[in-house]
Amino acid sequence: MAPELALGGLQRWMQAVIVHPGSIDEALASGAAAPLLPPERTGDVIRPSATLTPAERIGIYHRMYRPRMAEALESDYPALAHFLGEPRWSELVGRYCEAHPSTSYTLNVLGRHLPGWLAVAPGLPRRAFCCDLARLEWAVVEAFDAEEAPHLDEAELLAVPAEAWAAARLVPCPALRLVELGWNANDWLESAKDDRHEHPRPRRRRAWVTVFRVDYAVYRRELARPAFRLLSDVVAGVPVGQALAAAMRRRGAPDSETLSRWFRDWAADGLFTRVAPGGRAAG
């Protein structure tokens, strides 16, 4: 090994070579890799095999990088990949990985920038629909990967004294995600999950979706807009009394029976972990 190339430098060099979008020769000579190790000195850090040169040996990892990234991203965004189809999905993956190469020890976070990046991705058809579909799929990923937490049930809700609710805060479960949509992405994702042969055509449709996990399964539930806005306030840490007062001032204000049903449903879905009496809700 070249004595001046310590472990950290070797790791940076390998990453620069592996993620480069061109050929292996272009990768070795790239501006990110060559200053760390000139191409002609590749043999200083990689031994040849009986049949492969040092460049050919690291070229194996270089060639596998994009297919592996595509596989990881498709596992997080199967509906989007299906909607775009090949080769458009493969081209999108390549461009995304150039903009946001993998820098973590885990591929679980590789796709975290994709929903935002789609807003500027070149040549993307049905951009607004794709952005909504990606945001919804990423919410599913985050809900699935979130840490486990106890669920507040209906009995615990009913045990809170009425006079305590004005200042109390409900602490949301780590797996809860709230997604507001402008397109029928939830319908399209449902059709993809059911492996139907026909999917709905992308169209404008506002929807307010909760994404949550029960045991090891992730669920999506659409809410009416007033319910979603109330739940958003509660999840943001607004005291229940203040959130309810705001809900009653909005158009389409619910009656007391509807409010009770909403909170029972949310408790049944396990959206909260506990009631924090006054003060700021701790996560």
Protein backbone atom coordinates (compact mmCIF):
# COMPACT_ATOMS: atom_id res chain seq x y z
CA MET A 1 0.00 0.00 0.00
CA ALA A 2 1.18 3.50 -0.74
CA PRO A 3 2.52 4.68 2.64
CA GLU A 4 1.02 8.18 2.28
CA LEU A 5 -2.51 6.85 1.67
CA ALA A 6 -3.92 6.14 5.15
CA LEU A 7 -7.12 4.21 5.74
CA GLY A 8 -9.35 7.28 5.52
CA GLY A 9 -7.81 8.33 2.22
CA LEU A 10 -8.13 4.81 0.84
CA GLN A 11 -11.82 4.77 1.76
CA ARG A 12 -12.43 8.13 0.10
CA TRP A 13 -10.57 6.97 -3.01
CA MET A 14 -12.56 3.75 -3.29
CA GLN A 15 -15.84 5.62 -2.86
CA ALA A 16 -14.85 8.19 -5.50
CA VAL A 17 -13.99 5.42 -7.95
CA ILE A 18 -17.02 3.24 -7.29
CA VAL A 19 -19.66 5.98 -7.52
CA HIS A 20 -18.26 7.66 -10.64
CA PRO A 21 -20.79 7.41 -13.50
CA GLY A 22 -18.26 6.85 -16.32
CA SER A 23 -16.04 3.91 -17.22
CA ILE A 24 -13.56 2.49 -14.73
CA ASP A 25 -10.68 4.26 -16.50
CA GLU A 26 -12.60 7.55 -16.25
CA ALA A 27 -13.38 6.82 -12.61
CA LEU A 28 -9.73 6.20 -11.72
CA ALA A 29 -8.75 9.45 -13.47
CA SER A 30 -11.61 11.51 -12.06
CA GLY A 31 -11.07 14.71 -10.14
CA ALA A 32 -12.24 13.08 -6.91
CA ALA A 33 -10.06 9.94 -7.16
CA ALA A 34 -6.84 10.89 -8.98
CA PRO A 35 -5.60 13.47 -6.42
CA LEU A 36 -5.78 10.75 -3.76
CA LEU A 37 -4.14 8.08 -5.91
CA PRO A 38 -2.95 8.52 -9.51
CA PRO A 39 -4.43 5.89 -11.87
CA GLU A 40 -1.03 4.37 -12.64
CA ARG A 41 -0.59 3.56 -8.94
CA THR A 42 -3.81 1.56 -8.58
CA GLY A 43 -1.63 -1.54 -8.16
CA ASP A 44 -0.18 -0.03 -4.98
CA VAL A 45 -3.46 -0.60 -3.16
CA ILE A 46 -5.11 -3.44 -5.14
CA ARG A 47 -3.31 -6.64 -6.04
CA PRO A 48 -3.89 -8.22 -9.45
CA SER A 49 -5.45 -11.66 -9.55
CA ALA A 50 -4.52 -14.53 -11.86
CA THR A 51 -6.92 -13.19 -14.50
CA LEU A 52 -7.70 -9.55 -13.61
CA THR A 53 -5.67 -6.36 -13.40
CA PRO A 54 -6.06 -4.06 -10.37
CA ALA A 55 -8.30 -1.74 -12.40
CA GLU A 56 -10.45 -4.66 -13.52
CA ARG A 57 -10.81 -5.90 -9.97
CA ILE A 58 -12.12 -2.61 -8.58
CA GLY A 59 -14.10 -2.27 -11.80
CA ILE A 60 -16.32 -5.13 -10.58
CA TYR A 61 -17.53 -2.95 -7.70
CA HIS A 62 -17.78 0.06 -9.99
CA ARG A 63 -20.03 -1.82 -12.44
CA MET A 64 -22.27 -3.13 -9.67
CA TYR A 65 -22.78 0.24 -8.01
CA ARG A 66 -25.65 1.52 -10.15
CA PRO A 67 -27.59 -1.79 -10.24
CA ARG A 68 -27.28 -2.05 -6.46
CA MET A 69 -28.49 1.52 -6.01
CA ALA A 70 -31.39 0.87 -8.38
CA GLU A 71 -32.32 -2.24 -6.40
CA ALA A 72 -32.20 -0.37 -3.09
CA LEU A 73 -34.23 2.56 -4.40
CA GLU A 74 -36.80 0.32 -6.05
CA SER A 75 -37.35 -1.47 -2.75
CA ASP A 76 -38.32 1.93 -1.26
CA TYR A 77 -40.16 3.27 -4.31
CA PRO A 78 -41.71 0.25 -6.06
CA ALA A 79 -44.81 2.14 -7.24
CA LEU A 80 -42.78 5.03 -8.66
CA ALA A 81 -40.45 2.61 -10.43
CA HIS A 82 -43.43 0.78 -11.88
CA PHE A 83 -45.11 4.00 -12.97
CA LEU A 84 -42.00 5.28 -14.77
CA GLY A 85 -41.00 1.91 -16.21
CA GLU A 86 -37.69 0.96 -17.77
CA PRO A 87 -35.50 2.55 -19.00
CA ARG A 88 -36.78 5.81 -17.51
CA TRP A 89 -36.45 4.51 -13.93
CA SER A 90 -32.86 3.35 -14.55
CA GLU A 91 -31.94 6.73 -16.03
CA LEU A 92 -33.54 8.53 -13.10
CA VAL A 93 -31.64 6.36 -10.60
CA GLY A 94 -28.35 7.16 -12.32
CA ARG A 95 -28.96 10.90 -12.22
CA TYR A 96 -30.19 10.80 -8.65
CA CYS A 97 -27.13 8.87 -7.46
CA GLU A 98 -24.88 11.39 -9.18
CA ALA A 99 -26.63 14.18 -7.27
CA HIS A 100 -26.94 12.22 -4.00
CA PRO A 101 -24.40 9.37 -3.90
CA SER A 102 -24.55 6.90 -1.05
CA THR A 103 -22.45 8.17 1.87
CA SER A 104 -23.88 6.09 4.71
CA TYR A 105 -23.06 2.64 6.01
CA THR A 106 -26.68 1.70 5.31
CA LEU A 107 -28.75 1.95 2.13
CA ASN A 108 -31.87 2.59 4.22
CA VAL A 109 -31.35 6.34 3.85
CA LEU A 110 -30.32 6.38 0.19
CA GLY A 111 -33.74 7.52 -1.02
CA ARG A 112 -34.40 10.24 1.55
CA HIS A 113 -33.67 13.08 -0.91
CA LEU A 114 -35.58 11.61 -3.85
CA PRO A 115 -39.00 13.28 -3.27
CA GLY A 116 -37.42 16.73 -3.16
CA TRP A 117 -35.00 16.00 -6.01
CA LEU A 118 -37.84 14.95 -8.30
CA ALA A 119 -39.01 18.56 -8.31
CA VAL A 120 -35.98 19.46 -10.45
CA ALA A 121 -35.24 16.10 -12.13
CA PRO A 122 -34.85 16.68 -15.87
CA GLY A 123 -37.38 15.17 -18.27
CA LEU A 124 -39.68 13.75 -15.60
CA PRO A 125 -43.23 13.07 -16.84
CA ARG A 126 -46.17 13.93 -14.61
CA ARG A 127 -43.78 15.66 -12.21
CA ALA A 128 -46.32 16.75 -9.58
CA PHE A 129 -47.88 13.29 -9.45
CA CYS A 130 -44.47 11.61 -9.19
CA CYS A 131 -43.48 13.94 -6.35
CA ASP A 132 -46.66 13.08 -4.44
CA LEU A 133 -46.19 9.36 -5.05
CA ALA A 134 -42.57 9.53 -3.88
CA ARG A 135 -43.47 11.50 -0.73
CA LEU A 136 -46.11 8.95 0.13
CA GLU A 137 -43.81 5.98 -0.47
CA TRP A 138 -41.04 7.56 1.60
CA ALA A 139 -43.50 8.13 4.44
CA VAL A 140 -44.21 4.39 4.32
CA VAL A 141 -40.47 3.67 4.50
CA GLU A 142 -39.98 5.99 7.46
CA ALA A 143 -42.97 4.55 9.27
CA PHE A 144 -41.66 1.02 8.79
CA ASP A 145 -38.13 1.89 9.98
CA ALA A 146 -39.15 4.06 12.96
CA GLU A 147 -38.35 2.94 16.48
CA GLU A 148 -40.92 0.99 18.43
CA ALA A 149 -42.94 2.80 21.08
CA PRO A 150 -45.89 1.99 23.35
CA HIS A 151 -49.33 2.98 22.09
CA LEU A 152 -51.82 5.07 24.04
CA ASP A 153 -55.15 3.24 24.02
CA GLU A 154 -58.71 4.53 24.37
CA ALA A 155 -58.94 3.56 28.04
CA GLU A 156 -55.91 5.72 28.85
CA LEU A 157 -57.46 8.63 26.97
CA LEU A 158 -60.69 8.31 28.92
CA ALA A 159 -58.74 8.22 32.20
CA VAL A 160 -57.43 11.77 31.70
CA PRO A 161 -59.52 14.24 33.76
CA ALA A 162 -61.57 16.61 31.61
CA GLU A 163 -60.00 19.66 33.23
CA ALA A 164 -56.50 18.46 32.26
CA TRP A 165 -57.12 18.39 28.51
CA ALA A 166 -56.84 22.16 27.95
CA ALA A 167 -53.09 22.18 28.65
CA ALA A 168 -52.29 18.53 27.88
CA ARG A 169 -50.33 17.47 24.82
CA LEU A 170 -50.49 14.18 22.98
CA VAL A 171 -47.09 12.69 22.12
CA PRO A 172 -47.16 11.10 18.63
CA CYS A 173 -45.64 7.71 17.91
CA PRO A 174 -42.30 7.83 16.07
CA ALA A 175 -43.83 5.88 13.17
CA LEU A 176 -46.60 8.40 12.47
CA ARG A 177 -46.36 10.42 9.25
CA LEU A 178 -48.87 12.92 7.87
CA VAL A 179 -48.94 13.45 4.10
CA GLU A 180 -51.01 16.01 2.23
CA LEU A 181 -51.46 15.17 -1.44
CA GLY A 182 -52.66 17.08 -4.46
CA TRP A 183 -52.88 14.05 -6.78
CA ASN A 184 -54.38 10.56 -6.58
CA ALA A 185 -51.07 9.05 -5.47
CA ASN A 186 -52.70 7.11 -2.63
CA ASP A 187 -55.11 5.45 -5.06
CA TRP A 188 -52.22 4.60 -7.40
CA LEU A 189 -50.12 3.18 -4.56
CA GLU A 190 -53.05 1.03 -3.44
CA SER A 191 -53.47 -0.34 -6.96
CA ALA A 192 -49.76 -1.15 -7.12
CA LYS A 193 -49.89 -2.91 -3.76
CA ASP A 194 -52.75 -5.09 -4.94
CA ASP A 195 -50.79 -5.93 -8.12
CA ARG A 196 -53.67 -4.91 -10.33
CA HIS A 197 -53.17 -4.92 -14.07
CA GLU A 198 -54.82 -1.51 -14.43
CA HIS A 199 -53.92 1.57 -12.44
CA PRO A 200 -55.89 4.80 -12.18
CA ARG A 201 -54.74 7.56 -14.50
CA PRO A 202 -52.89 10.32 -12.64
CA ARG A 203 -55.29 13.12 -11.83
CA ARG A 204 -55.63 15.94 -9.39
CA ARG A 205 -57.26 14.83 -6.15
CA ARG A 206 -56.57 16.33 -2.76
CA ALA A 207 -56.14 13.80 -0.01
CA TRP A 208 -54.96 13.88 3.61
CA VAL A 209 -53.27 10.67 4.67
CA THR A 210 -51.98 9.26 7.93
CA VAL A 211 -49.23 6.66 7.61
CA PHE A 212 -48.61 4.54 10.71
CA ARG A 213 -47.35 1.15 11.81
CA VAL A 214 -49.06 -1.50 13.87
CA ASP A 215 -46.68 -4.26 14.89
CA TYR A 216 -44.77 -4.94 11.65
CA ALA A 217 -47.36 -3.69 9.17
CA VAL A 218 -47.67 -0.14 7.79
CA TYR A 219 -51.12 1.27 7.09
CA ARG A 220 -52.42 4.35 5.29
CA ARG A 221 -55.68 6.00 6.21
CA GLU A 222 -57.27 8.99 4.49
CA LEU A 223 -58.82 11.64 6.71
CA ALA A 224 -61.21 14.49 6.09
CA ARG A 225 -59.37 17.79 5.86
CA PRO A 226 -60.68 19.15 9.22
CA ALA A 227 -59.54 15.98 10.98
CA PHE A 228 -56.12 16.13 9.30
CA ARG A 229 -55.62 19.77 10.29
CA LEU A 230 -56.55 19.03 13.90
CA LEU A 231 -54.27 16.01 14.00
CA SER A 232 -51.44 18.05 12.44
CA ASP A 233 -51.75 20.63 15.20
CA VAL A 234 -51.74 17.96 17.89
CA VAL A 235 -48.72 16.21 16.35
CA ALA A 236 -46.90 19.56 16.19
CA GLY A 237 -47.22 19.83 19.98
CA VAL A 238 -50.10 22.27 20.21
CA PRO A 239 -52.00 21.74 23.50
CA VAL A 240 -55.19 19.79 22.95
CA GLY A 241 -57.42 22.62 24.18
CA GLN A 242 -55.80 25.12 21.84
CA ALA A 243 -55.92 22.67 18.90
CA LEU A 244 -59.61 21.99 19.52
CA ALA A 245 -60.40 25.70 19.73
CA ALA A 246 -58.69 26.27 16.39
CA ALA A 247 -60.59 23.33 14.85
CA MET A 248 -63.91 24.78 15.98
CA ARG A 249 -63.13 28.11 14.30
CA ARG A 250 -62.41 26.53 10.92
CA ARG A 251 -64.83 25.83 8.13
CA GLY A 252 -66.48 22.45 8.53
CA ALA A 253 -66.03 22.45 12.31
CA PRO A 254 -66.94 19.04 13.77
CA ASP A 255 -69.55 18.43 16.45
CA SER A 256 -68.60 16.86 19.77
CA GLU A 257 -69.59 13.36 18.66
CA THR A 258 -67.40 13.59 15.57
CA LEU A 259 -64.48 14.89 17.63
CA SER A 260 -64.80 11.99 20.06
CA ARG A 261 -64.86 9.53 17.16
CA TRP A 262 -61.74 11.03 15.64
CA PHE A 263 -59.76 10.69 18.87
CA ARG A 264 -61.05 7.15 19.43
CA ASP A 265 -60.01 6.19 15.92
CA TRP A 266 -56.57 7.74 16.39
CA ALA A 267 -56.11 5.89 19.65
CA ALA A 268 -57.24 2.63 18.00
CA ASP A 269 -54.65 3.19 15.25
CA GLY A 270 -51.96 3.71 17.89
CA LEU A 271 -51.00 7.21 16.75
CA PHE A 272 -49.96 8.43 20.22
CA THR A 273 -47.65 7.12 22.90
CA ARG A 274 -48.81 9.08 25.95
CA VAL A 275 -50.45 12.21 27.31
CA ALA A 276 -48.06 14.90 28.50
CA PRO A 277 -49.81 16.97 31.20
CA GLY A 278 -49.10 20.62 30.40
CA GLY A 279 -45.67 21.97 29.51
CA ARG A 280 -43.88 20.95 26.34
CA ALA A 281 -44.44 17.41 25.03
CA ALA A 282 -41.28 15.34 25.20
CA GLY A 283 -40.71 13.04 22.24
